[in-house]
Structures are given as C-alpha cells and as structure tokens.
mmCIF file of all heavy atoms, coordinates in Angstrom:
data_MODEL
# 
_entry.id   MODEL 
# 
loop_
_atom_site.group_PDB 
_atom_site.id 
_atom_site.type_symbol 
_atom_site.label_atom_id 
_atom_site.label_alt_id 
_atom_site.label_comp_id 
_atom_site.label_asym_id 
_atom_site.label_entity_id 
_atom_site.label_seq_id 
_atom_site.pdbx_PDB_ins_code 
_atom_site.Cartn_x 
_atom_site.Cartn_y 
_atom_site.Cartn_z 
_atom_site.occupancy 
_atom_site.B_iso_or_equiv 
_atom_site.pdbx_formal_charge 
_atom_site.auth_seq_id 
_atom_site.auth_comp_id 
_atom_site.auth_asym_id 
_atom_site.auth_atom_id 
_atom_site.pdbx_PDB_model_num 
ATOM 1   N N   . SER A 1 1  ? 0.829  -1.196 0.022  1.00 0.00 ? 1  SER A N   1 
ATOM 2   C CA  . SER A 1 1  ? 0.014  -0.014 0.009  1.00 0.00 ? 1  SER A CA  1 
ATOM 3   C C   . SER A 1 1  ? 0.859  1.244  0.025  1.00 0.00 ? 1  SER A C   1 
ATOM 4   O O   . SER A 1 1  ? 0.556  2.251  -0.691 1.00 0.00 ? 1  SER A O   1 
ATOM 5   C CB  . SER A 1 1  ? -0.914 0.000  1.203  1.00 0.00 ? 1  SER A CB  1 
ATOM 6   O OG  . SER A 1 1  ? -0.161 0.004  2.371  1.00 0.00 ? 1  SER A OG  1 
ATOM 7   N N   . ARG A 1 2  ? 1.936  1.232  0.735  1.00 0.00 ? 2  ARG A N   1 
ATOM 8   C CA  . ARG A 1 2  ? 2.745  2.392  0.882  1.00 0.00 ? 2  ARG A CA  1 
ATOM 9   C C   . ARG A 1 2  ? 4.201  1.998  0.880  1.00 0.00 ? 2  ARG A C   1 
ATOM 10  O O   . ARG A 1 2  ? 4.604  0.990  1.417  1.00 0.00 ? 2  ARG A O   1 
ATOM 11  C CB  . ARG A 1 2  ? 2.392  3.160  2.122  1.00 0.00 ? 2  ARG A CB  1 
ATOM 12  C CG  . ARG A 1 2  ? 2.842  4.617  2.233  1.00 0.00 ? 2  ARG A CG  1 
ATOM 13  C CD  . ARG A 1 2  ? 2.064  5.370  3.312  1.00 0.00 ? 2  ARG A CD  1 
ATOM 14  N NE  . ARG A 1 2  ? 2.359  4.896  4.619  1.00 0.00 ? 2  ARG A NE  1 
ATOM 15  C CZ  . ARG A 1 2  ? 3.161  5.538  5.526  1.00 0.00 ? 2  ARG A CZ  1 
ATOM 16  N NH1 . ARG A 1 2  ? 3.750  6.636  5.124  1.00 0.00 ? 2  ARG A NH1 1 
ATOM 17  N NH2 . ARG A 1 2  ? 3.325  5.032  6.711  1.00 0.00 ? 2  ARG A NH2 1 
ATOM 18  N N   . MET A 1 3  ? 5.038  2.886  0.307  1.00 0.00 ? 3  MET A N   1 
ATOM 19  C CA  . MET A 1 3  ? 6.482  2.674  0.241  1.00 0.00 ? 3  MET A CA  1 
ATOM 20  C C   . MET A 1 3  ? 7.114  4.056  0.584  1.00 0.00 ? 3  MET A C   1 
ATOM 21  O O   . MET A 1 3  ? 6.493  5.083  0.370  1.00 0.00 ? 3  MET A O   1 
ATOM 22  C CB  . MET A 1 3  ? 6.987  2.208  -1.098 1.00 0.00 ? 3  MET A CB  1 
ATOM 23  C CG  . MET A 1 3  ? 6.225  0.996  -1.654 1.00 0.00 ? 3  MET A CG  1 
ATOM 24  S SD  . MET A 1 3  ? 6.720  0.575  -3.284 1.00 0.00 ? 3  MET A SD  1 
ATOM 25  C CE  . MET A 1 3  ? 8.212  -0.406 -2.977 1.00 0.00 ? 3  MET A CE  1 
ATOM 26  N N   . GLY A 1 4  ? 8.338  4.027  1.052  1.00 0.00 ? 4  GLY A N   1 
ATOM 27  C CA  . GLY A 1 4  ? 8.958  5.321  1.324  1.00 0.00 ? 4  GLY A CA  1 
ATOM 28  C C   . GLY A 1 4  ? 10.348 5.163  1.930  1.00 0.00 ? 4  GLY A C   1 
ATOM 29  O O   . GLY A 1 4  ? 10.934 4.094  1.929  1.00 0.00 ? 4  GLY A O   1 
ATOM 30  N N   . TRP A 1 5  ? 10.795 6.331  2.418  1.00 0.00 ? 5  TRP A N   1 
ATOM 31  C CA  . TRP A 1 5  ? 12.129 6.430  2.957  1.00 0.00 ? 5  TRP A CA  1 
ATOM 32  C C   . TRP A 1 5  ? 12.149 7.262  4.218  1.00 0.00 ? 5  TRP A C   1 
ATOM 33  O O   . TRP A 1 5  ? 11.495 8.310  4.363  1.00 0.00 ? 5  TRP A O   1 
ATOM 34  C CB  . TRP A 1 5  ? 13.026 7.163  1.956  1.00 0.00 ? 5  TRP A CB  1 
ATOM 35  C CG  . TRP A 1 5  ? 13.195 6.427  0.665  1.00 0.00 ? 5  TRP A CG  1 
ATOM 36  C CD1 . TRP A 1 5  ? 12.417 6.508  -0.442 1.00 0.00 ? 5  TRP A CD1 1 
ATOM 37  C CD2 . TRP A 1 5  ? 14.251 5.494  0.344  1.00 0.00 ? 5  TRP A CD2 1 
ATOM 38  N NE1 . TRP A 1 5  ? 12.889 5.660  -1.407 1.00 0.00 ? 5  TRP A NE1 1 
ATOM 39  C CE2 . TRP A 1 5  ? 14.011 5.029  -0.963 1.00 0.00 ? 5  TRP A CE2 1 
ATOM 40  C CE3 . TRP A 1 5  ? 15.382 5.053  1.031  1.00 0.00 ? 5  TRP A CE3 1 
ATOM 41  C CZ2 . TRP A 1 5  ? 14.845 4.108  -1.594 1.00 0.00 ? 5  TRP A CZ2 1 
ATOM 42  C CZ3 . TRP A 1 5  ? 16.208 4.142  0.445  1.00 0.00 ? 5  TRP A CZ3 1 
ATOM 43  C CH2 . TRP A 1 5  ? 15.992 3.670  -0.867 1.00 0.00 ? 5  TRP A CH2 1 
ATOM 44  N N   . TYR A 1 6  ? 12.841 6.796  5.205  1.00 0.00 ? 6  TYR A N   1 
ATOM 45  C CA  . TYR A 1 6  ? 13.194 7.505  6.424  1.00 0.00 ? 6  TYR A CA  1 
ATOM 46  C C   . TYR A 1 6  ? 14.626 7.744  6.387  1.00 0.00 ? 6  TYR A C   1 
ATOM 47  O O   . TYR A 1 6  ? 15.401 7.220  5.593  1.00 0.00 ? 6  TYR A O   1 
ATOM 48  C CB  . TYR A 1 6  ? 12.887 6.667  7.654  1.00 0.00 ? 6  TYR A CB  1 
ATOM 49  C CG  . TYR A 1 6  ? 11.468 6.717  8.167  1.00 0.00 ? 6  TYR A CG  1 
ATOM 50  C CD1 . TYR A 1 6  ? 10.500 5.957  7.592  1.00 0.00 ? 6  TYR A CD1 1 
ATOM 51  C CD2 . TYR A 1 6  ? 11.123 7.514  9.278  1.00 0.00 ? 6  TYR A CD2 1 
ATOM 52  C CE1 . TYR A 1 6  ? 9.168  5.975  8.046  1.00 0.00 ? 6  TYR A CE1 1 
ATOM 53  C CE2 . TYR A 1 6  ? 9.837  7.491  9.801  1.00 0.00 ? 6  TYR A CE2 1 
ATOM 54  C CZ  . TYR A 1 6  ? 8.873  6.747  9.156  1.00 0.00 ? 6  TYR A CZ  1 
ATOM 55  O OH  . TYR A 1 6  ? 7.571  6.820  9.663  1.00 0.00 ? 6  TYR A OH  1 
ATOM 56  N N   . ARG A 1 7  ? 15.058 8.711  7.241  1.00 0.00 ? 7  ARG A N   1 
ATOM 57  C CA  . ARG A 1 7  ? 16.449 8.911  7.405  1.00 0.00 ? 7  ARG A CA  1 
ATOM 58  C C   . ARG A 1 7  ? 16.794 9.278  8.878  1.00 0.00 ? 7  ARG A C   1 
ATOM 59  O O   . ARG A 1 7  ? 15.936 9.725  9.554  1.00 0.00 ? 7  ARG A O   1 
ATOM 60  C CB  . ARG A 1 7  ? 16.998 10.075 6.512  1.00 0.00 ? 7  ARG A CB  1 
ATOM 61  C CG  . ARG A 1 7  ? 16.528 11.423 6.872  1.00 0.00 ? 7  ARG A CG  1 
ATOM 62  C CD  . ARG A 1 7  ? 17.019 12.421 5.856  1.00 0.00 ? 7  ARG A CD  1 
ATOM 63  N NE  . ARG A 1 7  ? 16.536 13.837 6.113  1.00 0.00 ? 7  ARG A NE  1 
ATOM 64  C CZ  . ARG A 1 7  ? 16.708 14.810 5.355  1.00 0.00 ? 7  ARG A CZ  1 
ATOM 65  N NH1 . ARG A 1 7  ? 17.385 14.759 4.210  1.00 0.00 ? 7  ARG A NH1 1 
ATOM 66  N NH2 . ARG A 1 7  ? 16.224 16.041 5.658  1.00 0.00 ? 7  ARG A NH2 1 
ATOM 67  N N   . GLN A 1 8  ? 18.033 8.962  9.223  1.00 0.00 ? 8  GLN A N   1 
ATOM 68  C CA  . GLN A 1 8  ? 18.463 9.237  10.575 1.00 0.00 ? 8  GLN A CA  1 
ATOM 69  C C   . GLN A 1 8  ? 19.881 9.782  10.580 1.00 0.00 ? 8  GLN A C   1 
ATOM 70  O O   . GLN A 1 8  ? 20.802 9.058  10.132 1.00 0.00 ? 8  GLN A O   1 
ATOM 71  C CB  . GLN A 1 8  ? 18.367 8.007  11.511 1.00 0.00 ? 8  GLN A CB  1 
ATOM 72  C CG  . GLN A 1 8  ? 18.655 8.326  12.957 1.00 0.00 ? 8  GLN A CG  1 
ATOM 73  C CD  . GLN A 1 8  ? 18.220 7.225  13.888 1.00 0.00 ? 8  GLN A CD  1 
ATOM 74  O OE1 . GLN A 1 8  ? 18.054 6.047  13.482 1.00 0.00 ? 8  GLN A OE1 1 
ATOM 75  N NE2 . GLN A 1 8  ? 17.955 7.567  15.130 1.00 0.00 ? 8  GLN A NE2 1 
ATOM 76  N N   . ALA A 1 9  ? 19.999 10.990 10.999 1.00 0.00 ? 9  ALA A N   1 
ATOM 77  C CA  . ALA A 1 9  ? 21.300 11.615 11.100 1.00 0.00 ? 9  ALA A CA  1 
ATOM 78  C C   . ALA A 1 9  ? 21.908 11.402 12.469 1.00 0.00 ? 9  ALA A C   1 
ATOM 79  O O   . ALA A 1 9  ? 21.148 11.138 13.476 1.00 0.00 ? 9  ALA A O   1 
ATOM 80  C CB  . ALA A 1 9  ? 21.226 13.084 10.826 1.00 0.00 ? 9  ALA A CB  1 
ATOM 81  N N   . PRO A 1 10 ? 23.187 11.458 12.646 1.00 0.00 ? 10 PRO A N   1 
ATOM 82  C CA  . PRO A 1 10 ? 23.864 11.237 13.975 1.00 0.00 ? 10 PRO A CA  1 
ATOM 83  C C   . PRO A 1 10 ? 23.237 12.220 15.040 1.00 0.00 ? 10 PRO A C   1 
ATOM 84  O O   . PRO A 1 10 ? 23.145 13.410 14.791 1.00 0.00 ? 10 PRO A O   1 
ATOM 85  C CB  . PRO A 1 10 ? 25.296 11.558 13.691 1.00 0.00 ? 10 PRO A CB  1 
ATOM 86  C CG  . PRO A 1 10 ? 25.476 11.268 12.235 1.00 0.00 ? 10 PRO A CG  1 
ATOM 87  C CD  . PRO A 1 10 ? 24.197 11.686 11.571 1.00 0.00 ? 10 PRO A CD  1 
ATOM 88  N N   . GLY A 1 11 ? 22.832 11.651 16.170 1.00 0.00 ? 11 GLY A N   1 
ATOM 89  C CA  . GLY A 1 11 ? 22.323 12.446 17.238 1.00 0.00 ? 11 GLY A CA  1 
ATOM 90  C C   . GLY A 1 11 ? 20.878 12.940 17.042 1.00 0.00 ? 11 GLY A C   1 
ATOM 91  O O   . GLY A 1 11 ? 20.448 13.720 17.879 1.00 0.00 ? 11 GLY A O   1 
ATOM 92  N N   . LYS A 1 12 ? 20.248 12.513 15.919 1.00 0.00 ? 12 LYS A N   1 
ATOM 93  C CA  . LYS A 1 12 ? 18.876 13.072 15.672 1.00 0.00 ? 12 LYS A CA  1 
ATOM 94  C C   . LYS A 1 12 ? 17.930 11.862 15.561 1.00 0.00 ? 12 LYS A C   1 
ATOM 95  O O   . LYS A 1 12 ? 18.343 10.750 15.382 1.00 0.00 ? 12 LYS A O   1 
ATOM 96  C CB  . LYS A 1 12 ? 18.870 13.845 14.352 1.00 0.00 ? 12 LYS A CB  1 
ATOM 97  C CG  . LYS A 1 12 ? 19.634 15.136 14.378 1.00 0.00 ? 12 LYS A CG  1 
ATOM 98  C CD  . LYS A 1 12 ? 19.467 15.923 13.123 1.00 0.00 ? 12 LYS A CD  1 
ATOM 99  C CE  . LYS A 1 12 ? 20.154 17.289 13.183 1.00 0.00 ? 12 LYS A CE  1 
ATOM 100 N NZ  . LYS A 1 12 ? 19.940 18.102 12.027 1.00 0.00 ? 12 LYS A NZ  1 
ATOM 101 N N   . GLU A 1 13 ? 16.638 12.191 15.712 1.00 0.00 ? 13 GLU A N   1 
ATOM 102 C CA  . GLU A 1 13 ? 15.642 11.156 15.595 1.00 0.00 ? 13 GLU A CA  1 
ATOM 103 C C   . GLU A 1 13 ? 15.425 10.785 14.142 1.00 0.00 ? 13 GLU A C   1 
ATOM 104 O O   . GLU A 1 13 ? 15.626 11.591 13.252 1.00 0.00 ? 13 GLU A O   1 
ATOM 105 C CB  . GLU A 1 13 ? 14.334 11.638 16.207 1.00 0.00 ? 13 GLU A CB  1 
ATOM 106 C CG  . GLU A 1 13 ? 14.360 11.845 17.718 1.00 0.00 ? 13 GLU A CG  1 
ATOM 107 C CD  . GLU A 1 13 ? 13.046 12.209 18.347 1.00 0.00 ? 13 GLU A CD  1 
ATOM 108 O OE1 . GLU A 1 13 ? 12.058 12.391 17.630 1.00 0.00 ? 13 GLU A OE1 1 
ATOM 109 O OE2 . GLU A 1 13 ? 12.963 12.245 19.574 1.00 0.00 ? 13 GLU A OE2 1 
ATOM 110 N N   . ARG A 1 14 ? 14.932 9.610  13.908 1.00 0.00 ? 14 ARG A N   1 
ATOM 111 C CA  . ARG A 1 14 ? 14.590 9.170  12.542 1.00 0.00 ? 14 ARG A CA  1 
ATOM 112 C C   . ARG A 1 14 ? 13.404 10.013 12.133 1.00 0.00 ? 14 ARG A C   1 
ATOM 113 O O   . ARG A 1 14 ? 12.437 10.244 12.759 1.00 0.00 ? 14 ARG A O   1 
ATOM 114 C CB  . ARG A 1 14 ? 14.240 7.673  12.555 1.00 0.00 ? 14 ARG A CB  1 
ATOM 115 C CG  . ARG A 1 14 ? 13.996 7.115  11.171 1.00 0.00 ? 14 ARG A CG  1 
ATOM 116 C CD  . ARG A 1 14 ? 13.812 5.583  11.168 1.00 0.00 ? 14 ARG A CD  1 
ATOM 117 N NE  . ARG A 1 14 ? 15.026 4.885  11.674 1.00 0.00 ? 14 ARG A NE  1 
ATOM 118 C CZ  . ARG A 1 14 ? 15.170 3.582  11.575 1.00 0.00 ? 14 ARG A CZ  1 
ATOM 119 N NH1 . ARG A 1 14 ? 14.189 2.834  11.031 1.00 0.00 ? 14 ARG A NH1 1 
ATOM 120 N NH2 . ARG A 1 14 ? 16.271 2.997  12.001 1.00 0.00 ? 14 ARG A NH2 1 
ATOM 121 N N   . GLU A 1 15 ? 13.503 10.463 10.809 1.00 0.00 ? 15 GLU A N   1 
ATOM 122 C CA  . GLU A 1 15 ? 12.376 11.231 10.288 1.00 0.00 ? 15 GLU A CA  1 
ATOM 123 C C   . GLU A 1 15 ? 11.926 10.652 8.925  1.00 0.00 ? 15 GLU A C   1 
ATOM 124 O O   . GLU A 1 15 ? 12.756 10.099 8.188  1.00 0.00 ? 15 GLU A O   1 
ATOM 125 C CB  . GLU A 1 15 ? 12.737 12.732 10.082 1.00 0.00 ? 15 GLU A CB  1 
ATOM 126 C CG  . GLU A 1 15 ? 13.771 12.956 9.012  1.00 0.00 ? 15 GLU A CG  1 
ATOM 127 C CD  . GLU A 1 15 ? 13.949 14.440 8.747  1.00 0.00 ? 15 GLU A CD  1 
ATOM 128 O OE1 . GLU A 1 15 ? 13.132 15.339 9.264  1.00 0.00 ? 15 GLU A OE1 1 
ATOM 129 O OE2 . GLU A 1 15 ? 14.899 14.819 8.017  1.00 0.00 ? 15 GLU A OE2 1 
ATOM 130 N N   . LEU A 1 16 ? 10.663 10.822 8.684  1.00 0.00 ? 16 LEU A N   1 
ATOM 131 C CA  . LEU A 1 16 ? 10.058 10.383 7.410  1.00 0.00 ? 16 LEU A CA  1 
ATOM 132 C C   . LEU A 1 16 ? 10.472 11.397 6.345  1.00 0.00 ? 16 LEU A C   1 
ATOM 133 O O   . LEU A 1 16 ? 10.050 12.568 6.445  1.00 0.00 ? 16 LEU A O   1 
ATOM 134 C CB  . LEU A 1 16 ? 8.566  10.234 7.492  1.00 0.00 ? 16 LEU A CB  1 
ATOM 135 C CG  . LEU A 1 16 ? 7.807  9.852  6.261  1.00 0.00 ? 16 LEU A CG  1 
ATOM 136 C CD1 . LEU A 1 16 ? 8.292  8.432  5.740  1.00 0.00 ? 16 LEU A CD1 1 
ATOM 137 C CD2 . LEU A 1 16 ? 6.340  9.795  6.500  1.00 0.00 ? 16 LEU A CD2 1 
ATOM 138 N N   . VAL A 1 17 ? 11.154 10.993 5.321  1.00 0.00 ? 17 VAL A N   1 
ATOM 139 C CA  . VAL A 1 17 ? 11.573 11.871 4.239  1.00 0.00 ? 17 VAL A CA  1 
ATOM 140 C C   . VAL A 1 17 ? 10.534 11.945 3.178  1.00 0.00 ? 17 VAL A C   1 
ATOM 141 O O   . VAL A 1 17 ? 10.136 13.068 2.720  1.00 0.00 ? 17 VAL A O   1 
ATOM 142 C CB  . VAL A 1 17 ? 12.889 11.380 3.626  1.00 0.00 ? 17 VAL A CB  1 
ATOM 143 C CG1 . VAL A 1 17 ? 13.312 12.316 2.475  1.00 0.00 ? 17 VAL A CG1 1 
ATOM 144 C CG2 . VAL A 1 17 ? 14.011 11.297 4.639  1.00 0.00 ? 17 VAL A CG2 1 
ATOM 145 N N   . ALA A 1 18 ? 10.022 10.799 2.694  1.00 0.00 ? 18 ALA A N   1 
ATOM 146 C CA  . ALA A 1 18 ? 9.050  10.780 1.631  1.00 0.00 ? 18 ALA A CA  1 
ATOM 147 C C   . ALA A 1 18 ? 8.370  9.482  1.618  1.00 0.00 ? 18 ALA A C   1 
ATOM 148 O O   . ALA A 1 18 ? 8.935  8.451  2.033  1.00 0.00 ? 18 ALA A O   1 
ATOM 149 C CB  . ALA A 1 18 ? 9.763  11.028 0.285  1.00 0.00 ? 18 ALA A CB  1 
ATOM 150 N N   . SER A 1 19 ? 7.070  9.475  1.201  1.00 0.00 ? 19 SER A N   1 
ATOM 151 C CA  . SER A 1 19 ? 6.312  8.287  1.057  1.00 0.00 ? 19 SER A CA  1 
ATOM 152 C C   . SER A 1 19 ? 5.438  8.345  -0.149 1.00 0.00 ? 19 SER A C   1 
ATOM 153 O O   . SER A 1 19 ? 5.160  9.454  -0.630 1.00 0.00 ? 19 SER A O   1 
ATOM 154 C CB  . SER A 1 19 ? 5.493  7.989  2.268  1.00 0.00 ? 19 SER A CB  1 
ATOM 155 O OG  . SER A 1 19 ? 4.533  8.954  2.523  1.00 0.00 ? 19 SER A OG  1 
ATOM 156 N N   . ILE A 1 20 ? 5.061  7.185  -0.690 1.00 0.00 ? 20 ILE A N   1 
ATOM 157 C CA  . ILE A 1 20 ? 4.240  7.160  -1.879 1.00 0.00 ? 20 ILE A CA  1 
ATOM 158 C C   . ILE A 1 20 ? 3.241  5.994  -1.718 1.00 0.00 ? 20 ILE A C   1 
ATOM 159 O O   . ILE A 1 20 ? 3.593  4.915  -1.289 1.00 0.00 ? 20 ILE A O   1 
ATOM 160 C CB  . ILE A 1 20 ? 5.096  7.026  -3.155 1.00 0.00 ? 20 ILE A CB  1 
ATOM 161 C CG1 . ILE A 1 20 ? 4.223  7.114  -4.419 1.00 0.00 ? 20 ILE A CG1 1 
ATOM 162 C CG2 . ILE A 1 20 ? 5.916  5.731  -3.137 1.00 0.00 ? 20 ILE A CG2 1 
ATOM 163 C CD1 . ILE A 1 20 ? 5.105  7.247  -5.639 1.00 0.00 ? 20 ILE A CD1 1 
ATOM 164 N N   . THR A 1 21 ? 1.992  6.263  -2.092 1.00 0.00 ? 21 THR A N   1 
ATOM 165 C CA  . THR A 1 21 ? 0.915  5.265  -2.008 1.00 0.00 ? 21 THR A CA  1 
ATOM 166 C C   . THR A 1 21 ? 0.878  4.449  -3.233 1.00 0.00 ? 21 THR A C   1 
ATOM 167 O O   . THR A 1 21 ? 1.501  4.728  -4.257 1.00 0.00 ? 21 THR A O   1 
ATOM 168 C CB  . THR A 1 21 ? -0.390 5.935  -1.737 1.00 0.00 ? 21 THR A CB  1 
ATOM 169 O OG1 . THR A 1 21 ? -0.735 6.683  -2.989 1.00 0.00 ? 21 THR A OG1 1 
ATOM 170 C CG2 . THR A 1 21 ? -0.343 6.878  -0.570 1.00 0.00 ? 21 THR A CG2 1 
ATOM 171 N N   . SER A 1 22 ? -0.038 3.414  -3.246 1.00 0.00 ? 22 SER A N   1 
ATOM 172 C CA  . SER A 1 22 ? -0.185 2.547  -4.401 1.00 0.00 ? 22 SER A CA  1 
ATOM 173 C C   . SER A 1 22 ? -0.756 3.354  -5.572 1.00 0.00 ? 22 SER A C   1 
ATOM 174 O O   . SER A 1 22 ? -0.546 2.998  -6.724 1.00 0.00 ? 22 SER A O   1 
ATOM 175 C CB  . SER A 1 22 ? -1.111 1.438  -4.034 1.00 0.00 ? 22 SER A CB  1 
ATOM 176 O OG  . SER A 1 22 ? -2.345 1.871  -3.561 1.00 0.00 ? 22 SER A OG  1 
ATOM 177 N N   . GLY A 1 23 ? -1.448 4.444  -5.290 1.00 0.00 ? 23 GLY A N   1 
ATOM 178 C CA  . GLY A 1 23 ? -1.978 5.311  -6.318 1.00 0.00 ? 23 GLY A CA  1 
ATOM 179 C C   . GLY A 1 23 ? -1.015 6.401  -6.734 1.00 0.00 ? 23 GLY A C   1 
ATOM 180 O O   . GLY A 1 23 ? -1.387 7.344  -7.445 1.00 0.00 ? 23 GLY A O   1 
ATOM 181 N N   . SER A 1 24 ? 0.207  6.337  -6.205 1.00 0.00 ? 24 SER A N   1 
ATOM 182 C CA  . SER A 1 24 ? 1.280  7.257  -6.545 1.00 0.00 ? 24 SER A CA  1 
ATOM 183 C C   . SER A 1 24 ? 1.112  8.659  -5.957 1.00 0.00 ? 24 SER A C   1 
ATOM 184 O O   . SER A 1 24 ? 1.721  9.630  -6.379 1.00 0.00 ? 24 SER A O   1 
ATOM 185 C CB  . SER A 1 24 ? 1.530  7.425  -8.032 1.00 0.00 ? 24 SER A CB  1 
ATOM 186 O OG  . SER A 1 24 ? 1.975  6.190  -8.583 1.00 0.00 ? 24 SER A OG  1 
ATOM 187 N N   . GLY A 1 25 ? 0.261  8.741  -4.892 1.00 0.00 ? 25 GLY A N   1 
ATOM 188 C CA  . GLY A 1 25 ? 0.192  9.945  -4.116 1.00 0.00 ? 25 GLY A CA  1 
ATOM 189 C C   . GLY A 1 25 ? 1.401  10.062 -3.215 1.00 0.00 ? 25 GLY A C   1 
ATOM 190 O O   . GLY A 1 25 ? 1.812  9.113  -2.564 1.00 0.00 ? 25 GLY A O   1 
ATOM 191 N N   . SER A 1 26 ? 2.081  11.186 -3.214 1.00 0.00 ? 26 SER A N   1 
ATOM 192 C CA  . SER A 1 26 ? 3.328  11.294 -2.487 1.00 0.00 ? 26 SER A CA  1 
ATOM 193 C C   . SER A 1 26 ? 3.310  12.422 -1.441 1.00 0.00 ? 26 SER A C   1 
ATOM 194 O O   . SER A 1 26 ? 2.576  13.387 -1.567 1.00 0.00 ? 26 SER A O   1 
ATOM 195 C CB  . SER A 1 26 ? 4.506  11.490 -3.456 1.00 0.00 ? 26 SER A CB  1 
ATOM 196 O OG  . SER A 1 26 ? 4.307  12.690 -4.201 1.00 0.00 ? 26 SER A OG  1 
ATOM 197 N N   . LYS A 1 27 ? 4.147  12.255 -0.439 1.00 0.00 ? 27 LYS A N   1 
ATOM 198 C CA  . LYS A 1 27 ? 4.309  13.246 0.620  1.00 0.00 ? 27 LYS A CA  1 
ATOM 199 C C   . LYS A 1 27 ? 5.775  13.376 0.905  1.00 0.00 ? 27 LYS A C   1 
ATOM 200 O O   . LYS A 1 27 ? 6.537  12.416 0.800  1.00 0.00 ? 27 LYS A O   1 
ATOM 201 C CB  . LYS A 1 27 ? 3.559  12.854 1.851  1.00 0.00 ? 27 LYS A CB  1 
ATOM 202 C CG  . LYS A 1 27 ? 2.055  12.867 1.771  1.00 0.00 ? 27 LYS A CG  1 
ATOM 203 C CD  . LYS A 1 27 ? 1.436  12.550 3.100  1.00 0.00 ? 27 LYS A CD  1 
ATOM 204 C CE  . LYS A 1 27 ? -0.104 12.534 3.037  1.00 0.00 ? 27 LYS A CE  1 
ATOM 205 N NZ  . LYS A 1 27 ? -0.723 12.241 4.353  1.00 0.00 ? 27 LYS A NZ  1 
ATOM 206 N N   . TYR A 1 28 ? 6.196  14.577 1.256  1.00 0.00 ? 28 TYR A N   1 
ATOM 207 C CA  . TYR A 1 28 ? 7.598  14.913 1.600  1.00 0.00 ? 28 TYR A CA  1 
ATOM 208 C C   . TYR A 1 28 ? 7.664  15.714 2.870  1.00 0.00 ? 28 TYR A C   1 
ATOM 209 O O   . TYR A 1 28 ? 6.769  16.516 3.179  1.00 0.00 ? 28 TYR A O   1 
ATOM 210 C CB  . TYR A 1 28 ? 8.233  15.722 0.482  1.00 0.00 ? 28 TYR A CB  1 
ATOM 211 C CG  . TYR A 1 28 ? 8.202  15.013 -0.868 1.00 0.00 ? 28 TYR A CG  1 
ATOM 212 C CD1 . TYR A 1 28 ? 7.133  15.185 -1.767 1.00 0.00 ? 28 TYR A CD1 1 
ATOM 213 C CD2 . TYR A 1 28 ? 9.255  14.244 -1.261 1.00 0.00 ? 28 TYR A CD2 1 
ATOM 214 C CE1 . TYR A 1 28 ? 7.144  14.554 -2.973 1.00 0.00 ? 28 TYR A CE1 1 
ATOM 215 C CE2 . TYR A 1 28 ? 9.274  13.593 -2.505 1.00 0.00 ? 28 TYR A CE2 1 
ATOM 216 C CZ  . TYR A 1 28 ? 8.222  13.770 -3.359 1.00 0.00 ? 28 TYR A CZ  1 
ATOM 217 O OH  . TYR A 1 28 ? 8.199  13.145 -4.617 1.00 0.00 ? 28 TYR A OH  1 
ATOM 218 N N   . VAL A 1 29 ? 8.768  15.516 3.606  1.00 0.00 ? 29 VAL A N   1 
ATOM 219 C CA  . VAL A 1 29 ? 9.092  16.424 4.660  1.00 0.00 ? 29 VAL A CA  1 
ATOM 220 C C   . VAL A 1 29 ? 9.403  17.791 4.092  1.00 0.00 ? 29 VAL A C   1 
ATOM 221 O O   . VAL A 1 29 ? 9.967  17.866 2.973  1.00 0.00 ? 29 VAL A O   1 
ATOM 222 C CB  . VAL A 1 29 ? 10.257 15.846 5.538  1.00 0.00 ? 29 VAL A CB  1 
ATOM 223 C CG1 . VAL A 1 29 ? 11.543 15.846 4.750  1.00 0.00 ? 29 VAL A CG1 1 
ATOM 224 C CG2 . VAL A 1 29 ? 10.372 16.640 6.814  1.00 0.00 ? 29 VAL A CG2 1 
# 
C-alpha cells in the first residue's frame, strides 16, 4: 500500500523523508 524512505542523522531522531501510496500519491518532509 505504501512505500517510502526515512532517514536518521547522527544524534537526531529518525524522520520520514518521503512516502508514496499505491496510487502514486506522495508526501515529503
């Protein structure tokens, strides 16, 4: 249903960078 990417920098919390749904709707930080 959904695919995407998180990232985590040193000393920081993991954050959602981008995600995309099965219908290709996308969201970005």
